[in-house]
C-alpha atoms as a PDB file:
ATOM      1  CA  ALA A   1      -1.690 -22.225 -18.604  1.00  0.00           C
ATOM      2  CA  GLY A   2       1.714 -23.380 -18.585  1.00  0.00           C
ATOM      3  CA  PHE A   3       3.646 -25.676 -15.957  1.00  0.00           C
ATOM      4  CA  LEU A   4       5.033 -23.058 -13.921  1.00  0.00           C
ATOM      5  CA  MET A   5       1.484 -21.007 -14.267  1.00  0.00           C
ATOM      6  CA  LYS A   6       0.588 -23.776 -12.401  1.00  0.00           C
ATOM      7  CA  LYS A   7       2.807 -24.757 -10.268  1.00  0.00           C
ATOM      8  CA  GLU A   8       2.746 -20.793  -8.704  1.00  0.00           C
ATOM      9  CA  LEU A   9      -0.845 -20.623  -8.316  1.00  0.00           C
ATOM     10  CA  ASP A  10      -0.523 -24.377  -6.527  1.00  0.00           C
ATOM     11  CA  TYR A  11       1.848 -22.896  -3.933  1.00  0.00           C
ATOM     12  CA  PHE A  12      -0.172 -19.053  -3.546  1.00  0.00           C
ATOM     13  CA  ALA A  13      -3.256 -21.381  -2.876  1.00  0.00           C
ATOM     14  CA  LYS A  14      -1.851 -23.431  -0.157  1.00  0.00           C
ATOM     15  CA  ALA A  15      -0.034 -20.180   1.234  1.00  0.00           C
ATOM     16  CA  LEU A  16      -3.616 -18.567   1.584  1.00  0.00           C
ATOM     17  CA  GLU A  17      -5.655 -21.753   2.440  1.00  0.00           C
ATOM     18  CA  SER A  18      -2.700 -22.855   5.558  1.00  0.00           C
ATOM     19  CA  PRO A  19      -0.491 -20.386   5.528  1.00  0.00           C
ATOM     20  CA  GLN A  20       2.761 -20.104   8.078  1.00  0.00           C
ATOM     21  CA  ARG A  21       2.288 -17.213  10.961  1.00  0.00           C
ATOM     22  CA  PRO A  22       3.085 -14.680  11.237  1.00  0.00           C
ATOM     23  CA  PHE A  23       2.243 -14.098   7.520  1.00  0.00           C
ATOM     24  CA  LEU A  24       2.799 -11.062   5.953  1.00  0.00           C
ATOM     25  CA  ALA A  25       1.558  -9.070   2.710  1.00  0.00           C
ATOM     26  CA  ILE A  26       3.210  -6.700   0.540  1.00  0.00           C
ATOM     27  CA  LEU A  27       0.484  -4.943  -1.851  1.00  0.00           C
ATOM     28  CA  GLY A  28       1.468  -1.750  -4.380  1.00  0.00           C
ATOM     29  CA  GLY A  29      -0.052  -0.610  -7.672  1.00  0.00           C
ATOM     30  CA  ALA A  30      -1.734   1.991  -8.488  1.00  0.00           C
ATOM     31  CA  LYS A  31      -5.763   1.526  -7.757  1.00  0.00           C
ATOM     32  CA  ILE A  32      -7.232   0.311  -5.097  1.00  0.00           C
ATOM     33  CA  SER A  33     -10.644  -0.403  -6.686  1.00  0.00           C
ATOM     34  CA  ASP A  34      -8.494  -3.758  -8.527  1.00  0.00           C
ATOM     35  CA  LYS A  35      -8.027  -5.068  -5.179  1.00  0.00           C
ATOM     36  CA  ILE A  36     -11.251  -4.103  -2.860  1.00  0.00           C
ATOM     37  CA  GLN A  37     -11.845  -8.323  -2.996  1.00  0.00           C
ATOM     38  CA  LEU A  38      -8.249  -8.985  -2.914  1.00  0.00           C
ATOM     39  CA  ILE A  39      -7.529  -6.982   0.056  1.00  0.00           C
ATOM     40  CA  ASP A  40     -10.709  -7.921   1.626  1.00  0.00           C
ATOM     41  CA  ASN A  41      -9.726 -11.416   1.602  1.00  0.00           C
ATOM     42  CA  LEU A  42      -6.435 -11.335   2.591  1.00  0.00           C
ATOM     43  CA  LEU A  43      -7.346  -9.269   5.841  1.00  0.00           C
ATOM     44  CA  ASP A  44      -9.052 -12.350   7.140  1.00  0.00           C
ATOM     45  CA  LYS A  45      -5.629 -14.237   6.358  1.00  0.00           C
ATOM     46  CA  VAL A  46      -2.541 -11.904   7.375  1.00  0.00           C
ATOM     47  CA  ASN A  47      -1.316 -10.512  10.548  1.00  0.00           C
ATOM     48  CA  THR A  48       0.745  -7.936   8.814  1.00  0.00           C
ATOM     49  CA  LEU A  49      -0.341  -5.734   5.784  1.00  0.00           C
ATOM     50  CA  ILE A  50       1.971  -3.546   4.226  1.00  0.00           C
ATOM     51  CA  ILE A  51       0.576  -1.265   1.577  1.00  0.00           C
ATOM     52  CA  GLY A  52       3.267   0.766  -0.233  1.00  0.00           C
ATOM     53  CA  GLY A  53       2.930   2.253  -3.865  1.00  0.00           C
ATOM     54  CA  GLY A  54       0.539   4.329  -5.561  1.00  0.00           C
ATOM     55  CA  MET A  55      -2.349   2.996  -3.635  1.00  0.00           C
ATOM     56  CA  ALA A  56      -0.792   4.450  -0.351  1.00  0.00           C
ATOM     57  CA  PHE A  57      -1.255   8.043  -1.226  1.00  0.00           C
ATOM     58  CA  THR A  58      -4.921   6.967  -1.534  1.00  0.00           C
ATOM     59  CA  PHE A  59      -5.091   5.847   1.912  1.00  0.00           C
ATOM     60  CA  LYS A  60      -3.032   8.620   3.735  1.00  0.00           C
ATOM     61  CA  LYS A  61      -5.527  11.011   2.232  1.00  0.00           C
ATOM     62  CA  VAL A  62      -8.630   9.274   3.533  1.00  0.00           C
ATOM     63  CA  LEU A  63      -7.247   8.413   7.010  1.00  0.00           C
ATOM     64  CA  ASN A  64      -4.737  10.905   8.053  1.00  0.00           C
ATOM     65  CA  ASP A  65      -6.494  13.967   5.537  1.00  0.00           C
ATOM     66  CA  MET A  66      -2.667  14.397   4.346  1.00  0.00           C
ATOM     67  CA  PRO A  67      -2.070  16.583   1.349  1.00  0.00           C
ATOM     68  CA  ILE A  68      -0.515  14.386  -1.646  1.00  0.00           C
ATOM     69  CA  GLY A  69      -0.105  17.141  -4.443  1.00  0.00           C
ATOM     70  CA  SER A  70      -0.644  15.630  -7.706  1.00  0.00           C
ATOM     71  CA  SER A  71      -0.090  12.314  -6.526  1.00  0.00           C
ATOM     72  CA  LEU A  72      -2.138   9.198  -7.619  1.00  0.00           C
ATOM     73  CA  PHE A  73      -5.458   9.150  -6.028  1.00  0.00           C
ATOM     74  CA  ASP A  74      -8.168   6.193  -6.218  1.00  0.00           C
ATOM     75  CA  GLU A  75     -11.558   7.939  -6.013  1.00  0.00           C
ATOM     76  CA  ALA A  76     -13.340   4.600  -7.073  1.00  0.00           C
ATOM     77  CA  GLY A  77     -11.044   2.812  -4.445  1.00  0.00           C
ATOM     78  CA  SER A  78     -11.369   5.556  -1.781  1.00  0.00           C
ATOM     79  CA  LYS A  79     -14.819   4.874  -0.494  1.00  0.00           C
ATOM     80  CA  ASN A  80     -13.553   1.738   0.710  1.00  0.00           C
ATOM     81  CA  VAL A  81     -10.718   2.514   3.149  1.00  0.00           C
ATOM     82  CA  LYS A  82     -12.631   3.258   6.334  1.00  0.00           C
ATOM     83  CA  ASN A  83     -14.123   0.250   5.906  1.00  0.00           C
ATOM     84  CA  LEU A  84     -10.870  -1.636   5.092  1.00  0.00           C
ATOM     85  CA  MET A  85      -9.479  -0.301   8.060  1.00  0.00           C
ATOM     86  CA  GLU A  86     -12.126  -1.228   9.893  1.00  0.00           C
ATOM     87  CA  LYS A  87     -11.852  -4.811   9.402  1.00  0.00           C
ATOM     88  CA  ALA A  88      -8.105  -4.658   9.686  1.00  0.00           C
ATOM     89  CA  LYS A  89      -8.883  -3.589  13.165  1.00  0.00           C
ATOM     90  CA  LYS A  90     -11.369  -5.871  13.562  1.00  0.00           C
ATOM     91  CA  ASN A  91      -9.268  -9.148  12.631  1.00  0.00           C
ATOM     92  CA  ASN A  92      -6.066  -7.430  14.879  1.00  0.00           C
ATOM     93  CA  VAL A  93      -4.415  -6.904  11.258  1.00  0.00           C
ATOM     94  CA  LYS A  94      -1.671  -4.491  11.518  1.00  0.00           C
ATOM     95  CA  VAL A  95      -1.638  -2.304   8.955  1.00  0.00           C
ATOM     96  CA  VAL A  96       1.804  -0.630   7.599  1.00  0.00           C
ATOM     97  CA  LEU A  97       1.648   2.539   5.838  1.00  0.00           C
ATOM     98  CA  PRO A  98       4.562   4.643   4.398  1.00  0.00           C
ATOM     99  CA  VAL A  99       5.325   8.112   6.535  1.00  0.00           C
ATOM    100  CA  ASP A 100       7.785   9.225   4.197  1.00  0.00           C
ATOM    101  CA  PHE A 101       8.147   9.485   0.382  1.00  0.00           C
ATOM    102  CA  VAL A 102      10.388  10.826  -2.190  1.00  0.00           C
ATOM    103  CA  THR A 103       8.732  13.536  -4.307  1.00  0.00           C
ATOM    104  CA  GLY A 104       9.072  14.684  -7.985  1.00  0.00           C
ATOM    105  CA  ASP A 105       7.480  17.996  -9.908  1.00  0.00           C
ATOM    106  CA  LYS A 106       6.721  15.031 -12.246  1.00  0.00           C
ATOM    107  CA  PHE A 107       6.859  11.685 -13.821  1.00  0.00           C
ATOM    108  CA  SER A 108      10.183  11.649 -15.980  1.00  0.00           C
ATOM    109  CA  LYS A 109      13.943  11.122 -15.615  1.00  0.00           C
ATOM    110  CA  ASP A 110      14.914  14.517 -15.804  1.00  0.00           C
ATOM    111  CA  ALA A 111      12.194  15.655 -12.671  1.00  0.00           C
ATOM    112  CA  GLU A 112      13.180  17.836  -9.431  1.00  0.00           C
ATOM    113  CA  SER A 113      13.299  15.842  -6.826  1.00  0.00           C
ATOM    114  CA  GLY A 114      12.340  16.183  -3.159  1.00  0.00           C
ATOM    115  CA  TYR A 115      11.491  14.503  -0.001  1.00  0.00           C
ATOM    116  CA  ALA A 116       8.133  15.055   2.318  1.00  0.00           C
ATOM    117  CA  THR A 117       7.055  13.491   5.574  1.00  0.00           C
ATOM    118  CA  ASP A 118       3.561  12.646   6.750  1.00  0.00           C
ATOM    119  CA  ASP A 119       3.434  15.676   9.225  1.00  0.00           C
ATOM    120  CA  LYS A 120       3.649  17.744   6.210  1.00  0.00           C
ATOM    121  CA  GLY A 121       2.547  16.107   2.866  1.00  0.00           C
ATOM    122  CA  ILE A 122       3.223  16.360  -0.649  1.00  0.00           C
ATOM    123  CA  PRO A 123       3.187  19.999  -1.400  1.00  0.00           C
ATOM    124  CA  ASP A 124       0.603  20.987  -4.735  1.00  0.00           C
ATOM    125  CA  GLY A 125       2.298  20.153  -8.117  1.00  0.00           C
ATOM    126  CA  TRP A 126       4.580  17.436  -6.446  1.00  0.00           C
ATOM    127  CA  MET A 127       3.787  13.788  -6.243  1.00  0.00           C
ATOM    128  CA  GLY A 128       4.884  10.788  -4.390  1.00  0.00           C
ATOM    129  CA  LEU A 129       7.723   8.654  -6.247  1.00  0.00           C
ATOM    130  CA  ASP A 130       8.303   5.840  -3.383  1.00  0.00           C
ATOM    131  CA  CYS A 131       8.507   5.581  -0.284  1.00  0.00           C
ATOM    132  CA  GLY A 132      11.579   7.723   1.853  1.00  0.00           C
ATOM    133  CA  GLU A 133      14.101   5.928   4.008  1.00  0.00           C
ATOM    134  CA  LYS A 134      12.188   5.952   7.341  1.00  0.00           C
ATOM    135  CA  SER A 135       9.469   3.795   5.505  1.00  0.00           C
ATOM    136  CA  SER A 136      11.608   1.264   4.005  1.00  0.00           C
ATOM    137  CA  ALA A 137      13.163   1.308   7.704  1.00  0.00           C
ATOM    138  CA  LEU A 138       9.599   0.466   8.891  1.00  0.00           C
ATOM    139  CA  PHE A 139       8.634  -2.121   6.256  1.00  0.00           C
ATOM    140  CA  LYS A 140      11.854  -3.695   6.924  1.00  0.00           C
ATOM    141  CA  GLU A 141      11.257  -3.706  10.317  1.00  0.00           C
ATOM    142  CA  ALA A 142       7.804  -5.691   9.384  1.00  0.00           C
ATOM    143  CA  VAL A 143       8.988  -8.342   7.839  1.00  0.00           C
END
């Protein structure tokens, strides 16, 4: 590893060992199953955890039975969502999830775009591509 990578790893180690409070983490990406250990460890350290990206759809489907259309869904990771949320509650960690979504009929630059909310969910044949304005405001408030 190079000097810059060592410096970054040292910084992250210090931040995780003795974080300044309040301590917030933002996670994204597609698969919860790849990040189970990270999320579990963070729930022992953070005050607030923002979950966005593709993994948010797995959380929304499991926790709220929200229709997610053809959005990313991590079957393996879905088995851990409730346990992670129970740990968050036990540790008094505020978990912030998106509440609205920019949607598309495909993952392409020429996709038809749309908008979906928590209460109606994402229709079949559509996928969540990004968080919407209400979610952005929610995330901004948390930060």
